[in-house]
C-alpha cells in the first residue's frame, strides 16, 4: 500500500510538471501615444446554435472530466481542474456565456463517466472518451476532438511486445477499450483491471502486471517522468475521442458540434495542446488534434475492439 501511495504521489507531480509548461509573455515598455486612443475591438462572437434550455437557464455548464489523467484532466497543485479536456470545457463556457468560469466540473473515472452522464449529474462528458460501437449504442458522441493511439508501458528490462503477450498479465483501467480488446484478442493473457491509471502504473512497478496497455496521451507522460519505465514501439487502436452526450439530446449535440467546428477552424486545439504538453512533446502530438486541414472520423460499422493484430 505504501508503494502504491508513492506511485500515486509521483503521478501527481508528473501532472504538475505537464501543467507547468508554458510560454512567458513578452516583456518590454509600452510607449505613450499622444491623443485619444480607440478602445480595442472585441473579437466577433461566433454564431452558434441556441444553447440547450436547461444550460441556458442555469447559466453554466455541468461537465464531467477526468481528474487523474494528466495532461488531459487532472487536479493541479492549487487544487484546480486543469488539462486539455478541461480547457476545451472552459472554452465551451466562454463561447456560451463569455466567461471560462461558467462551468462546474465533476470528477469521473473510466467506468463511472457514462453512468454519470446518463444519471444527469452532468450535461456532457469531456473525459478522454474513445469512440466504440458499443458506447455509441448507449450515448451519442460529438464529432472528434482528439485522436489517441494505444501503447504498451513496460519496465526498462522487459522484452514484452504486442506479439509476445501470451501468458503475460496486462493491466488497464476498468471499462477502457483496451480491456475489451485484451479479452477478445489475447485470450492466453491475464487481464487485470483497476480503477485508475495511477493504480495501473503501480501494478507494473510492483510486478503484478507485465505491461500497462493504455492511451499514448497518458503513457508518454509517465515514461518521461519515470526512468524505470519505457514505451515499446507498438502502436494500435488509433481511434478518435469524442464528447459524450445523452442519447437523443439533439440541442446539446448541435451546440457542441458547432463549437468544436469553430475551434477547429480557428486552430484553437493546437493552442490548448501547447498549453498542456512539454515543448519537447508537442511535435509528437500535432497530428492528434483537429486542425483546419486535419480530419478525423470514427470507424462506424467496425467493432475495433474485436479486430486483432
Protein backbone atom coordinates (compact mmCIF):
# COMPACT_ATOMS: atom_id res chain seq x y z
CA UNK A 1 0.00 0.00 0.00
CA UNK A 2 2.90 2.34 0.81
CA UNK A 3 4.40 1.65 -2.62
CA UNK A 4 1.11 2.47 -4.37
CA UNK A 5 0.86 5.72 -2.40
CA UNK A 6 4.36 6.68 -3.55
CA UNK A 7 3.48 5.96 -7.20
CA UNK A 8 0.26 7.97 -7.00
CA UNK A 9 2.20 10.86 -5.47
CA UNK A 10 4.71 10.63 -8.30
CA UNK A 11 1.94 10.83 -10.88
CA UNK A 12 0.54 13.94 -9.18
CA UNK A 13 3.99 15.51 -9.52
CA UNK A 14 4.05 14.45 -13.16
CA UNK A 15 0.70 16.18 -13.68
CA UNK A 16 2.16 19.34 -12.17
CA UNK A 17 5.16 19.07 -14.49
CA UNK A 18 2.91 18.85 -17.56
CA UNK A 19 0.75 21.73 -16.36
CA UNK A 20 3.70 23.98 -15.55
CA UNK A 21 4.96 24.09 -19.13
CA UNK A 22 4.10 27.26 -20.97
CA UNK A 23 5.48 30.29 -22.63
CA UNK A 24 6.22 33.55 -20.91
CA UNK A 25 4.54 36.68 -22.14
CA UNK A 26 6.97 39.03 -23.91
CA UNK A 27 8.15 41.92 -21.85
CA UNK A 28 9.06 45.45 -22.88
CA UNK A 29 7.99 49.04 -22.39
CA UNK A 30 4.87 50.50 -23.93
CA UNK A 31 5.31 53.90 -25.48
CA UNK A 32 2.73 56.53 -24.61
CA UNK A 33 0.60 57.66 -27.50
CA UNK A 34 -0.49 61.18 -27.98
CA UNK A 35 -4.17 61.94 -28.17
CA UNK A 36 -7.16 59.66 -27.60
CA UNK A 37 -6.87 56.01 -28.40
CA UNK A 38 -9.59 53.81 -29.74
CA UNK A 39 -10.85 51.04 -27.49
CA UNK A 40 -9.61 47.63 -28.66
CA UNK A 41 -12.14 45.78 -30.72
CA UNK A 42 -13.65 42.75 -29.11
CA UNK A 43 -13.36 39.60 -31.20
CA UNK A 44 -16.50 38.81 -33.12
CA UNK A 45 -18.72 36.40 -31.24
CA UNK A 46 -19.21 33.20 -33.23
CA UNK A 47 -22.71 32.39 -34.40
CA UNK A 48 -23.58 29.16 -32.64
CA UNK A 49 -26.91 27.33 -32.29
CA UNK A 50 -29.15 28.02 -29.33
CA UNK A 51 -27.94 26.57 -26.05
CA UNK A 52 -29.86 23.67 -24.51
CA UNK A 53 -32.66 25.23 -22.47
CA UNK A 54 -31.53 23.86 -19.10
CA UNK A 55 -27.94 25.02 -19.66
CA UNK A 56 -29.14 28.46 -20.73
CA UNK A 57 -31.42 28.75 -17.70
CA UNK A 58 -28.68 27.61 -15.31
CA UNK A 59 -26.17 29.98 -16.96
CA UNK A 60 -23.35 27.49 -16.73
CA UNK A 61 -22.27 24.07 -17.95
CA UNK A 62 -22.02 20.95 -15.81
CA UNK A 63 -19.23 18.84 -17.29
CA UNK A 64 -17.64 15.54 -16.28
CA UNK A 65 -13.84 15.39 -16.64
CA UNK A 66 -11.00 13.10 -15.61
CA UNK A 67 -9.10 14.18 -12.51
CA UNK A 68 -6.26 11.62 -12.65
CA UNK A 69 -5.23 11.73 -16.31
CA UNK A 70 -2.50 14.31 -16.90
CA UNK A 71 -2.15 16.21 -19.12
CA UNK A 72 -5.82 15.88 -20.20
CA UNK A 73 -7.77 16.05 -16.97
CA UNK A 74 -6.16 16.42 -13.55
CA UNK A 75 -6.09 18.45 -10.34
CA UNK A 76 -3.20 20.91 -10.28
CA UNK A 77 -1.04 21.86 -7.30
CA UNK A 78 -3.55 24.58 -6.34
CA UNK A 79 -6.42 22.10 -6.27
CA UNK A 80 -7.99 23.30 -9.54
CA UNK A 81 -9.12 21.28 -12.53
CA UNK A 82 -6.76 21.60 -15.48
CA UNK A 83 -5.65 19.85 -18.65
CA UNK A 84 -6.51 19.63 -22.34
CA UNK A 85 -10.06 18.34 -21.77
CA UNK A 86 -10.67 20.87 -19.01
CA UNK A 87 -9.56 23.75 -21.21
CA UNK A 88 -11.84 22.55 -24.00
CA UNK A 89 -14.66 22.60 -21.45
CA UNK A 90 -13.71 26.09 -20.27
CA UNK A 91 -13.70 27.24 -23.88
CA UNK A 92 -17.28 25.99 -24.15
CA UNK A 93 -18.12 28.17 -21.14
CA UNK A 94 -16.55 31.21 -22.78
CA UNK A 95 -18.31 30.60 -26.09
CA UNK A 96 -21.64 30.13 -24.34
CA UNK A 97 -21.50 32.74 -21.57
CA UNK A 98 -18.45 34.91 -22.14
CA UNK A 99 -16.57 33.54 -19.13
CA UNK A 100 -14.43 30.44 -18.68
CA UNK A 101 -15.67 30.26 -15.09
CA UNK A 102 -19.24 29.43 -16.15
CA UNK A 103 -18.72 25.69 -15.70
CA UNK A 104 -18.81 23.26 -12.78
CA UNK A 105 -16.69 20.13 -13.02
CA UNK A 106 -17.44 16.64 -11.74
CA UNK A 107 -14.56 14.16 -11.50
CA UNK A 108 -15.26 10.93 -13.37
CA UNK A 109 -13.30 7.74 -13.89
CA UNK A 110 -13.26 5.49 -16.94
CA UNK A 111 -16.00 3.19 -15.56
CA UNK A 112 -18.08 5.98 -13.99
CA UNK A 113 -18.18 8.57 -16.75
CA UNK A 114 -21.06 7.17 -18.85
CA UNK A 115 -23.22 6.35 -15.78
CA UNK A 116 -22.55 9.89 -14.51
CA UNK A 117 -23.75 11.31 -17.84
CA UNK A 118 -26.83 9.09 -18.01
CA UNK A 119 -27.81 9.95 -14.43
CA UNK A 120 -27.97 13.63 -15.50
CA UNK A 121 -25.39 14.76 -12.95
CA UNK A 122 -23.60 16.45 -15.86
CA UNK A 123 -24.62 17.87 -19.23
CA UNK A 124 -21.75 16.28 -21.15
CA UNK A 125 -18.53 14.37 -20.50
CA UNK A 126 -15.19 15.60 -21.84
CA UNK A 127 -13.18 12.74 -20.46
CA UNK A 128 -10.78 11.00 -22.87
CA UNK A 129 -13.73 9.03 -24.24
CA UNK A 130 -12.69 6.76 -27.11
CA UNK A 131 -15.45 6.04 -29.63
CA UNK A 132 -16.63 2.43 -29.79
CA UNK A 133 -19.64 0.87 -31.44
CA UNK A 134 -20.88 -0.41 -28.09
CA UNK A 135 -20.61 3.01 -26.44
CA UNK A 136 -22.34 4.67 -29.38
CA UNK A 137 -25.35 2.48 -28.66
CA UNK A 138 -25.51 3.86 -25.10
CA UNK A 139 -24.77 7.54 -25.73
CA UNK A 140 -24.25 9.98 -28.58
CA UNK A 141 -20.81 11.25 -29.50
CA UNK A 142 -19.80 14.68 -30.71
CA UNK A 143 -17.55 14.98 -33.72
CA UNK A 144 -13.95 14.03 -32.75
CA UNK A 145 -11.84 16.48 -30.76
CA UNK A 146 -8.72 14.32 -30.30
CA UNK A 147 -7.26 11.08 -31.67
CA UNK A 148 -5.27 8.78 -29.39
CA UNK A 149 -3.11 5.73 -30.06
CA UNK A 150 -2.72 2.70 -27.81
CA UNK A 151 0.76 1.90 -26.45
CA UNK A 152 2.43 -0.53 -24.04
CA UNK A 153 4.26 0.69 -20.93
CA UNK A 154 6.85 -1.77 -19.60
CA UNK A 155 9.86 -1.86 -17.26
CA UNK A 156 13.13 -0.93 -18.96
CA UNK A 157 14.38 -4.52 -18.73
CA UNK A 158 11.25 -6.02 -20.29
CA UNK A 159 11.24 -7.69 -23.71
CA UNK A 160 7.42 -7.67 -23.93
CA UNK A 161 5.96 -6.58 -27.27
CA UNK A 162 2.48 -6.74 -28.75
CA UNK A 163 3.34 -10.08 -30.36
CA UNK A 164 4.53 -11.68 -27.12
CA UNK A 165 1.64 -11.01 -24.75
CA UNK A 166 0.63 -14.67 -24.46
CA UNK A 167 0.92 -15.78 -20.85
CA UNK A 168 1.57 -12.20 -19.70
CA UNK A 169 -0.52 -10.05 -17.35
CA UNK A 170 -1.91 -6.93 -18.99
CA UNK A 171 -3.24 -4.16 -16.77
CA UNK A 172 -5.57 -1.38 -17.91
CA UNK A 173 -8.36 0.70 -16.43
CA UNK A 174 -11.78 -0.80 -15.84
CA UNK A 175 -14.13 -0.10 -18.73
CA UNK A 176 -11.40 1.01 -21.15
CA UNK A 177 -11.45 -0.16 -24.77
CA UNK A 178 -8.15 -1.92 -24.06
CA UNK A 179 -9.84 -4.24 -21.57
CA UNK A 180 -12.29 -5.39 -24.25
CA UNK A 181 -9.52 -5.69 -26.85
CA UNK A 182 -7.40 -7.79 -24.48
CA UNK A 183 -10.33 -10.10 -23.71
CA UNK A 184 -11.09 -10.53 -27.42
CA UNK A 185 -7.61 -10.78 -28.86
CA UNK A 186 -5.24 -12.01 -26.16
CA UNK A 187 -7.10 -14.93 -24.66
CA UNK A 188 -3.91 -16.53 -23.34
CA UNK A 189 -3.08 -13.41 -21.37
CA UNK A 190 -4.33 -12.44 -17.91
CA UNK A 191 -6.33 -9.22 -17.78
CA UNK A 192 -6.01 -7.09 -14.65
CA UNK A 193 -8.46 -4.18 -14.43
CA UNK A 194 -8.02 -1.30 -11.96
CA UNK A 195 -9.95 1.89 -11.30
CA UNK A 196 -7.31 4.47 -12.23
CA UNK A 197 -4.21 4.92 -14.40
CA UNK A 198 -2.13 5.52 -11.28
CA UNK A 199 -3.04 2.09 -9.92
CA UNK A 200 -2.17 0.53 -13.28
CA UNK A 201 1.29 2.10 -13.23
CA UNK A 202 1.72 0.82 -9.67
CA UNK A 203 0.86 -2.71 -10.84
CA UNK A 204 3.66 -2.61 -13.40
CA UNK A 205 6.09 -1.10 -10.89
CA UNK A 206 5.48 -3.75 -8.25
CA UNK A 207 5.46 -6.68 -10.67
CA UNK A 208 1.77 -7.60 -10.56
CA UNK A 209 1.50 -6.82 -14.29
CA UNK A 210 3.92 -7.18 -17.19
CA UNK A 211 2.60 -4.20 -19.11
CA UNK A 212 0.12 -1.33 -18.90
CA UNK A 213 -1.92 -1.01 -22.11
CA UNK A 214 -3.38 2.46 -22.50
CA UNK A 215 -3.54 5.73 -24.48
CA UNK A 216 -0.24 7.29 -25.55
CA UNK A 217 -1.55 10.61 -24.23
CA UNK A 218 -1.10 9.37 -20.69
CA UNK A 219 1.69 6.80 -21.05
CA UNK A 220 4.15 9.11 -22.75
CA UNK A 221 3.98 11.43 -19.76
CA UNK A 222 4.60 8.57 -17.34
CA UNK A 223 7.55 7.25 -19.35
CA UNK A 224 9.03 10.74 -19.49
CA UNK A 225 8.85 11.15 -15.71
CA UNK A 226 9.76 7.64 -14.57
CA UNK A 227 13.26 6.46 -15.55
CA UNK A 228 12.39 2.85 -14.75
CA UNK A 229 9.65 2.60 -17.38
CA UNK A 230 9.55 2.91 -21.15
CA UNK A 231 7.17 2.59 -24.10
CA UNK A 232 7.54 -0.20 -26.64
CA UNK A 233 7.43 0.70 -30.32
CA UNK A 234 3.99 -0.89 -30.78
CA UNK A 235 1.06 1.34 -31.76
CA UNK A 236 -2.53 0.14 -32.07
CA UNK A 237 -6.21 1.11 -31.76
CA UNK A 238 -5.84 4.57 -33.26
CA UNK A 239 -9.41 5.74 -32.61
CA UNK A 240 -10.67 9.31 -32.02
CA UNK A 241 -12.12 10.62 -28.78
CA UNK A 242 -15.50 12.32 -28.66
CA UNK A 243 -17.53 14.29 -26.17
CA UNK A 244 -20.24 12.18 -24.59
CA UNK A 245 -23.83 13.40 -24.94
CA UNK A 246 -27.04 11.73 -23.78
CA UNK A 247 -28.91 9.78 -26.45
CA UNK A 248 -31.34 11.96 -28.36
CA UNK A 249 -30.14 15.26 -26.84
CA UNK A 250 -30.06 16.99 -30.20
CA UNK A 251 -29.87 20.54 -28.81
CA UNK A 252 -26.67 19.76 -26.91
CA UNK A 253 -25.17 17.81 -29.81
CA UNK A 254 -25.93 20.65 -32.22
CA UNK A 255 -24.28 23.27 -29.99
CA UNK A 256 -21.24 21.16 -29.05
CA UNK A 257 -20.52 20.16 -32.65
CA UNK A 258 -20.80 23.77 -33.84
CA UNK A 259 -18.42 24.89 -31.09
CA UNK A 260 -15.90 22.18 -31.99
CA UNK A 261 -16.07 23.10 -35.68
CA UNK A 262 -15.48 26.76 -34.81
CA UNK A 263 -12.48 25.85 -32.62
CA UNK A 264 -11.06 23.67 -35.38
CA UNK A 265 -11.47 26.41 -37.99
CA UNK A 266 -9.59 28.83 -35.71
CA UNK A 267 -6.89 26.19 -35.00
CA UNK A 268 -7.57 26.53 -31.27
CA UNK A 269 -6.80 22.91 -30.38
CA UNK A 270 -3.10 23.40 -31.10
CA UNK A 271 -3.02 26.29 -28.62
CA UNK A 272 -4.69 24.09 -26.00
CA UNK A 273 -2.22 21.30 -26.72
CA UNK A 274 0.76 23.65 -26.33
CA UNK A 275 -0.62 24.89 -23.03
CA UNK A 276 -0.74 21.35 -21.65
CA UNK A 277 2.27 19.48 -23.01
CA UNK A 278 6.02 19.99 -22.59
CA UNK A 279 7.57 21.71 -25.60
CA UNK A 280 9.64 18.65 -26.48
CA UNK A 281 6.47 16.54 -26.87
CA UNK A 282 4.22 18.94 -28.77
CA UNK A 283 5.55 17.87 -32.17
CA UNK A 284 4.68 14.24 -31.44
CA UNK A 285 1.03 15.14 -30.89
CA UNK A 286 0.26 17.74 -33.57
CA UNK A 287 -1.41 15.08 -35.70
CA UNK A 288 -3.59 14.06 -32.75
CA UNK A 289 -5.62 17.29 -32.60
CA UNK A 290 -8.21 18.67 -35.06
CA UNK A 291 -6.80 21.35 -37.36
CA UNK A 292 -8.25 23.15 -40.40
CA UNK A 293 -6.76 20.53 -42.74
CA UNK A 294 -6.64 17.64 -40.28
CA UNK A 295 -9.77 15.49 -40.18
CA UNK A 296 -10.74 12.53 -38.01
CA UNK A 297 -13.53 10.01 -38.44
CA UNK A 298 -14.99 7.31 -36.22
CA UNK A 299 -14.75 3.73 -37.50
CA UNK A 300 -18.53 3.43 -37.71
CA UNK A 301 -19.67 -0.08 -38.52
CA UNK A 302 -16.45 -1.61 -37.24
CA UNK A 303 -16.01 -3.19 -33.84
CA UNK A 304 -12.40 -2.13 -33.44
CA UNK A 305 -12.10 -3.93 -30.11
CA UNK A 306 -12.61 -7.19 -32.00
CA UNK A 307 -10.06 -6.53 -34.74
CA UNK A 308 -7.00 -8.46 -33.59
CA UNK A 309 -3.39 -7.90 -34.71
